[in-house]
Amino acid sequence: GLVLVHDVAGLTPGVRGATRNLATAGYVVVAPDFLSPQGGTASFRGVQEQVQRAVSAAPTTAVASQATAALSYAKSHGGSGGRGLALIGFGWGGTQALLFAAGRADVVACVAFYPDPVQTLKSLPKITAPTLAIFAGDDPATSGGVKQFEEAAAASRRAHTVKVFPGTTRGFHDPGETKIYKPDVAKEAWAMAIQHLDSNTKEKAPASGV
């Protein structure tokens, strides 16, 4: 099973689109609304400033509790080839996915779009799951720390991959973000993400002739 952690904008149509992409690829996807304790993203009636403040202020313990419950649900409903569970997150959700994966043996793969490279730096050595971190080259929120993040990923001696797409800004993967969406780059990024998940969560077919 796969747990998707949304960005600071909450459970948006873009998150639902990403969930459909992953479901189409064969995954049982759980995409919790981390604003559920406050009535859910919809209760803010589209006031993005309030949604972003509420998500950013969500206590770490509450986020971890919801993520744990989502992983348990995903595990009970299968869909990962019997090899374990995976996480994927975007922006705030990418950061939370990396922080949550640290020290968890039951997470076998992690994909993070636009995570905070500074906040997650010390978590990298603690993440045993192969991790793919995807950054937008022109994202001012992350560009300053990406180089150090890349160095830390290499030094961790874990199976961590960092990919930076030059000439893109945060959200380039989402067709709903019409002004910044990059179809060709988005296709490549999604292909990388699916391949990473497939190679680490799906059971390998037994060798023939043995």
Protein backbone atom coordinates (compact mmCIF):
# COMPACT_ATOMS: atom_id res chain seq x y z
CA GLY A 1 0.00 0.00 0.00
CA LEU A 2 0.99 3.61 -0.52
CA VAL A 3 0.34 6.63 1.68
CA LEU A 4 0.25 10.04 -0.01
CA VAL A 5 0.99 13.11 2.13
CA HIS A 6 -0.46 16.33 0.75
CA ASP A 7 1.19 19.74 0.46
CA VAL A 8 0.52 22.78 2.64
CA ALA A 9 -2.55 23.55 0.51
CA GLY A 10 -4.33 20.52 1.97
CA LEU A 11 -6.38 17.87 0.19
CA THR A 12 -6.77 19.61 -3.18
CA PRO A 13 -7.91 18.48 -6.65
CA GLY A 14 -4.21 18.19 -7.52
CA VAL A 15 -3.75 15.68 -4.69
CA ARG A 16 -6.72 13.71 -5.94
CA GLY A 17 -5.18 13.73 -9.43
CA ALA A 18 -1.88 12.41 -8.08
CA THR A 19 -3.81 9.72 -6.19
CA ARG A 20 -5.51 8.64 -9.43
CA ASN A 21 -2.15 8.48 -11.23
CA LEU A 22 -0.77 6.17 -8.57
CA ALA A 23 -3.91 4.05 -8.44
CA THR A 24 -3.73 3.65 -12.21
CA ALA A 25 -0.19 2.37 -11.74
CA GLY A 26 -1.57 -0.42 -9.57
CA TYR A 27 -1.28 0.95 -6.04
CA VAL A 28 -3.77 0.98 -3.22
CA VAL A 29 -3.38 4.64 -2.21
CA VAL A 30 -4.40 6.21 1.09
CA ALA A 31 -4.41 10.03 0.99
CA PRO A 32 -5.44 11.28 4.43
CA ASP A 33 -6.54 14.86 5.03
CA PHE A 34 -4.17 16.05 7.73
CA LEU A 35 -6.63 18.81 8.58
CA SER A 36 -9.28 16.27 9.63
CA PRO A 37 -8.94 17.23 13.32
CA GLN A 38 -9.96 20.78 12.30
CA GLY A 39 -12.85 19.63 10.15
CA GLY A 40 -10.89 18.85 6.98
CA THR A 41 -9.58 20.99 4.13
CA ALA A 42 -13.09 21.58 2.76
CA SER A 43 -14.18 23.22 6.03
CA PHE A 44 -11.88 26.18 5.27
CA ARG A 45 -14.06 26.98 2.22
CA GLY A 46 -11.15 27.62 -0.12
CA VAL A 47 -9.42 30.26 2.00
CA GLN A 48 -5.88 29.18 1.15
CA GLU A 49 -4.12 31.40 3.67
CA GLN A 50 -6.04 29.74 6.50
CA VAL A 51 -5.45 26.26 5.11
CA GLN A 52 -1.71 26.87 4.82
CA ARG A 53 -1.49 28.27 8.33
CA ALA A 54 -3.41 25.32 9.74
CA VAL A 55 -1.30 22.71 7.92
CA SER A 56 1.96 24.41 8.86
CA ALA A 57 0.86 24.58 12.49
CA ALA A 58 -0.18 20.92 12.68
CA PRO A 59 1.63 19.34 15.66
CA THR A 60 4.30 16.81 14.69
CA THR A 61 2.76 14.24 17.02
CA ALA A 62 -0.65 14.61 15.37
CA VAL A 63 0.82 14.28 11.88
CA ALA A 64 2.77 11.18 12.93
CA SER A 65 -0.35 9.66 14.48
CA GLN A 66 -2.38 10.18 11.30
CA ALA A 67 0.44 8.86 9.12
CA THR A 68 0.73 5.75 11.31
CA ALA A 69 -3.00 5.12 11.01
CA ALA A 70 -2.84 5.60 7.24
CA LEU A 71 0.05 3.15 6.94
CA SER A 72 -1.84 0.59 9.03
CA TYR A 73 -4.87 0.96 6.77
CA ALA A 74 -2.72 0.63 3.64
CA LYS A 75 -1.05 -2.46 5.06
CA SER A 76 -4.35 -4.14 5.87
CA HIS A 77 -5.63 -3.49 2.35
CA GLY A 78 -2.53 -4.75 0.53
CA GLY A 79 -1.53 -3.55 -2.92
CA SER A 80 2.25 -3.43 -2.43
CA GLY A 81 3.17 -6.91 -3.60
CA GLY A 82 3.56 -8.15 -0.05
CA ARG A 83 6.92 -6.46 0.46
CA GLY A 84 5.93 -3.54 2.61
CA LEU A 85 4.67 0.02 2.53
CA ALA A 86 5.65 3.20 0.74
CA LEU A 87 5.28 6.94 1.23
CA ILE A 88 5.00 9.76 -1.29
CA GLY A 89 4.63 13.43 -0.42
CA PHE A 90 4.62 16.87 -2.01
CA GLY A 91 6.13 20.04 -0.52
CA TRP A 92 5.15 20.03 3.15
CA GLY A 93 4.07 16.45 2.59
CA GLY A 94 7.43 15.55 1.06
CA THR A 95 9.14 16.88 4.16
CA GLN A 96 6.78 14.98 6.45
CA ALA A 97 7.24 11.76 4.43
CA LEU A 98 11.02 11.90 4.89
CA LEU A 99 10.79 12.76 8.59
CA PHE A 100 8.26 10.00 9.17
CA ALA A 101 10.23 7.38 7.21
CA ALA A 102 13.30 7.88 9.42
CA GLY A 103 13.79 4.83 11.62
CA ARG A 104 10.79 2.90 10.28
CA ALA A 105 11.65 -0.58 9.03
CA ASP A 106 8.14 -1.13 7.64
CA VAL A 107 8.56 1.60 5.01
CA VAL A 108 10.32 0.12 1.98
CA ALA A 109 10.25 3.11 -0.39
CA CYS A 110 9.82 6.86 -0.17
CA VAL A 111 9.31 9.55 -2.83
CA ALA A 112 9.43 13.22 -1.87
CA PHE A 113 8.62 16.05 -4.26
CA TYR A 114 10.04 19.42 -3.13
CA PRO A 115 10.88 18.51 0.49
CA ASP A 116 12.57 21.06 2.75
CA PRO A 117 16.25 20.08 2.30
CA VAL A 118 17.38 21.77 5.50
CA GLN A 119 14.68 20.37 7.77
CA THR A 120 15.16 16.82 6.48
CA LEU A 121 18.96 16.80 6.27
CA LYS A 122 19.59 14.96 9.53
CA SER A 123 16.90 12.39 8.78
CA LEU A 124 18.57 11.00 5.66
CA PRO A 125 21.01 8.65 7.43
CA LYS A 126 18.11 7.27 9.49
CA ILE A 127 15.96 6.39 6.47
CA THR A 128 16.63 2.77 5.51
CA ALA A 129 14.07 2.80 2.68
CA PRO A 130 15.38 3.72 -0.79
CA THR A 131 14.39 7.34 -1.26
CA LEU A 132 13.84 9.52 -4.32
CA ALA A 133 13.84 13.27 -3.70
CA ILE A 134 12.69 15.48 -6.58
CA PHE A 135 13.38 19.20 -6.63
CA ALA A 136 12.42 22.08 -8.92
CA GLY A 137 15.55 23.93 -9.98
CA ASP A 138 13.95 27.38 -9.66
CA ASP A 139 12.16 26.82 -6.36
CA PRO A 140 13.40 29.55 -3.97
CA ALA A 141 12.06 27.62 -0.98
CA THR A 142 14.47 24.72 -1.53
CA SER A 143 17.21 25.75 -3.96
CA GLY A 144 19.52 27.09 -1.26
CA GLY A 145 19.81 23.74 0.51
CA VAL A 146 19.69 21.21 -2.32
CA LYS A 147 23.47 20.91 -2.78
CA GLN A 148 23.98 20.12 0.90
CA PHE A 149 21.06 17.68 0.71
CA GLU A 150 22.67 15.91 -2.25
CA GLU A 151 25.97 15.64 -0.36
CA ALA A 152 24.21 14.26 2.72
CA ALA A 153 22.33 11.71 0.60
CA ALA A 154 25.59 10.50 -0.91
CA ALA A 155 27.36 10.42 2.45
CA SER A 156 24.53 8.44 4.08
CA ARG A 157 25.49 5.36 2.04
CA ARG A 158 21.81 4.63 1.70
CA ALA A 159 19.95 4.06 -1.57
CA HIS A 160 18.92 7.69 -1.84
CA THR A 161 18.53 9.43 -5.20
CA VAL A 162 18.24 13.18 -5.70
CA LYS A 163 16.90 14.63 -8.96
CA VAL A 164 16.79 18.35 -9.74
CA PHE A 165 14.83 19.52 -12.78
CA PRO A 166 16.34 22.81 -14.03
CA GLY A 167 14.06 25.57 -15.24
CA THR A 168 11.07 24.42 -13.20
CA THR A 169 9.23 25.73 -10.17
CA ARG A 170 7.39 23.95 -7.39
CA GLY A 171 4.22 22.31 -8.70
CA PHE A 172 5.51 21.58 -12.20
CA HIS A 173 4.15 18.03 -11.85
CA ASP A 174 0.52 19.15 -11.44
CA PRO A 175 -1.55 19.80 -14.61
CA GLY A 176 -3.93 21.85 -12.47
CA GLU A 177 -1.18 24.44 -12.00
CA THR A 178 -1.55 25.70 -15.55
CA LYS A 179 1.00 28.54 -15.31
CA ILE A 180 3.86 26.37 -14.05
CA TYR A 181 2.96 22.89 -15.30
CA LYS A 182 5.67 21.36 -17.50
CA PRO A 183 4.14 18.37 -19.34
CA ASP A 184 7.37 16.76 -20.56
CA VAL A 185 9.21 17.25 -17.28
CA ALA A 186 6.17 16.14 -15.29
CA LYS A 187 5.98 12.96 -17.35
CA GLU A 188 9.66 12.24 -16.65
CA ALA A 189 9.29 12.96 -12.94
CA TRP A 190 6.22 10.76 -12.61
CA ALA A 191 7.96 7.96 -14.52
CA MET A 192 10.91 8.18 -12.13
CA ALA A 193 8.59 8.11 -9.12
CA ILE A 194 6.61 5.09 -10.35
CA GLN A 195 9.77 3.22 -11.31
CA HIS A 196 11.26 3.89 -7.88
CA LEU A 197 8.13 2.63 -6.16
CA ASP A 198 7.80 -0.39 -8.44
CA SER A 199 11.40 -1.49 -8.02
CA ASN A 200 11.19 -1.34 -4.24
CA THR A 201 7.66 -2.39 -3.36
CA LYS A 202 6.66 -5.01 -5.91
CA GLU A 203 7.71 -8.62 -5.52
CA LYS A 204 10.23 -9.78 -8.08
CA ALA A 205 9.08 -12.65 -10.26
CA PRO A 206 10.94 -15.90 -9.50
CA ALA A 207 13.66 -16.80 -12.00
CA SER A 208 12.56 -19.38 -14.55
CA GLY A 209 14.29 -22.69 -15.04
CA VAL A 210 15.31 -23.06 -11.38
